Amino acid sequence: MAISTNFLLSTTAVATNTTTVVATTSLPQNCHTVIIFNPDGTNSVYVAVGVANGGAALNVASSTVIPAGGSLTLGIGPETFRPTSTDDLAFSTSAGTISVNISYICSNKV
């Protein structure tokens, strides 16, 4: 994790229904809001706090589901307000491969 010098930082996570992945760019320390968009027209994206796991997808029962074409805005506060500083967002899908669009909104405060 690092401090972003941009107030808006965009990244992706290429999620599948057989693995758990994290975003290409890690959650910045000074990010206070995360916007996640599912561009797929059919399948859902699953999101949870976690780590990449090449052997298992996220469980729908313990994840937040973003339906096809939907988005989720998470107001998480900067790192000092989070439960643990090592938390990251992990992604899987209900089916297929989806390039999830993620935007981090950052401030000058950590």
Protein backbone atom coordinates (compact mmCIF):
# COMPACT_ATOMS: atom_id res chain seq x y z
CA MET A 1 0.00 0.00 0.00
CA ALA A 2 1.20 3.49 -0.83
CA ILE A 3 -0.11 7.01 -0.76
CA SER A 4 -1.67 8.11 -4.03
CA THR A 5 -0.73 11.54 -5.36
CA ASN A 6 -3.90 11.54 -7.48
CA PHE A 7 -7.32 12.26 -6.05
CA LEU A 8 -8.84 9.78 -8.52
CA LEU A 9 -7.02 6.54 -9.26
CA SER A 10 -8.50 3.92 -11.59
CA THR A 11 -7.60 0.24 -11.76
CA THR A 12 -9.08 -3.15 -12.67
CA ALA A 13 -9.34 -6.68 -11.33
CA VAL A 14 -9.79 -9.51 -13.82
CA ALA A 15 -12.11 -11.76 -11.84
CA THR A 16 -13.29 -15.29 -12.59
CA ASN A 17 -15.62 -17.82 -11.03
CA THR A 18 -12.78 -20.20 -10.10
CA THR A 19 -10.30 -17.88 -8.35
CA THR A 20 -10.16 -14.87 -6.04
CA VAL A 21 -8.18 -11.86 -7.29
CA VAL A 22 -7.26 -8.40 -6.01
CA ALA A 23 -7.02 -5.20 -8.01
CA THR A 24 -4.00 -4.49 -10.19
CA THR A 25 -3.32 -1.41 -8.03
CA SER A 26 -3.60 -1.92 -4.28
CA LEU A 27 -5.86 0.18 -2.11
CA PRO A 28 -3.97 3.43 -1.36
CA GLN A 29 -3.49 4.47 2.26
CA ASN A 30 -5.20 7.81 1.63
CA CYS A 31 -8.17 6.36 -0.27
CA HIS A 32 -11.44 7.18 1.46
CA THR A 33 -13.98 5.94 -1.11
CA VAL A 34 -13.98 3.00 -3.52
CA ILE A 35 -16.32 2.78 -6.51
CA ILE A 36 -16.64 -0.67 -8.11
CA PHE A 37 -18.44 -1.15 -11.44
CA ASN A 38 -19.45 -4.48 -12.96
CA PRO A 39 -19.48 -3.93 -16.75
CA ASP A 40 -20.75 -7.44 -17.53
CA GLY A 41 -24.22 -7.69 -19.03
CA THR A 42 -25.10 -11.05 -17.50
CA ASN A 43 -22.97 -12.15 -14.54
CA SER A 44 -22.48 -10.84 -11.00
CA VAL A 45 -19.26 -9.79 -9.29
CA TYR A 46 -18.58 -10.87 -5.70
CA VAL A 47 -16.57 -8.55 -3.42
CA ALA A 48 -15.17 -9.19 0.06
CA VAL A 49 -12.23 -8.20 2.22
CA GLY A 50 -9.61 -10.82 1.46
CA VAL A 51 -6.57 -11.93 -0.48
CA ALA A 52 -5.90 -13.44 -3.89
CA ASN A 53 -6.50 -17.18 -3.94
CA GLY A 54 -5.84 -19.07 -7.15
CA GLY A 55 -7.65 -22.16 -5.89
CA ALA A 56 -11.02 -20.84 -4.76
CA ALA A 57 -13.64 -18.23 -5.61
CA LEU A 58 -15.39 -16.09 -3.01
CA ASN A 59 -18.46 -17.56 -1.38
CA VAL A 60 -21.61 -15.65 -2.36
CA ALA A 61 -22.98 -16.01 1.18
CA SER A 62 -20.07 -14.05 2.68
CA SER A 63 -19.60 -11.52 -0.13
CA THR A 64 -21.27 -8.39 -1.40
CA VAL A 65 -22.86 -9.06 -4.79
CA ILE A 66 -22.73 -6.47 -7.57
CA PRO A 67 -25.27 -7.48 -10.22
CA ALA A 68 -24.64 -7.23 -13.96
CA GLY A 69 -24.27 -3.57 -14.95
CA GLY A 70 -24.35 -2.48 -11.30
CA SER A 71 -21.98 -0.55 -9.11
CA LEU A 72 -21.08 -0.27 -5.45
CA THR A 73 -19.72 2.78 -3.64
CA LEU A 74 -17.86 2.08 -0.40
CA GLY A 75 -17.02 4.92 1.97
CA ILE A 76 -14.12 3.29 3.83
CA GLY A 77 -12.24 6.26 5.24
CA PRO A 78 -8.46 6.65 5.03
CA GLU A 79 -6.20 3.95 6.45
CA THR A 80 -6.28 5.33 10.00
CA PHE A 81 -10.05 4.72 10.15
CA ARG A 82 -10.03 1.14 8.81
CA PRO A 83 -10.17 -1.93 11.07
CA THR A 84 -6.74 -3.08 9.86
CA SER A 85 -4.31 -1.43 7.48
CA THR A 86 -3.67 -4.69 5.60
CA ASP A 87 -7.26 -5.11 4.41
CA ASP A 88 -7.69 -5.35 0.66
CA LEU A 89 -10.69 -6.03 -1.56
CA ALA A 90 -10.91 -9.39 -3.31
CA PHE A 91 -13.09 -10.25 -6.31
CA SER A 92 -14.71 -13.29 -7.96
CA THR A 93 -17.63 -13.75 -10.36
CA SER A 94 -20.78 -15.82 -10.58
CA ALA A 95 -19.63 -17.07 -14.01
CA GLY A 96 -17.12 -16.21 -16.70
CA THR A 97 -14.32 -13.65 -16.62
CA ILE A 98 -15.07 -9.99 -15.85
CA SER A 99 -12.67 -7.05 -15.90
CA VAL A 100 -14.04 -5.18 -12.89
CA ASN A 101 -13.58 -1.38 -12.99
CA ILE A 102 -12.40 0.12 -9.71
CA SER A 103 -11.94 3.79 -8.81
CA TYR A 104 -10.21 4.97 -5.65
CA ILE A 105 -10.99 8.48 -4.44
CA CYS A 106 -8.14 9.79 -2.33
CA SER A 107 -7.38 12.77 -0.10
CA ASN A 108 -4.22 14.40 1.15
CA LYS A 109 -4.80 12.90 4.62
CA VAL A 110 -3.84 9.41 5.73
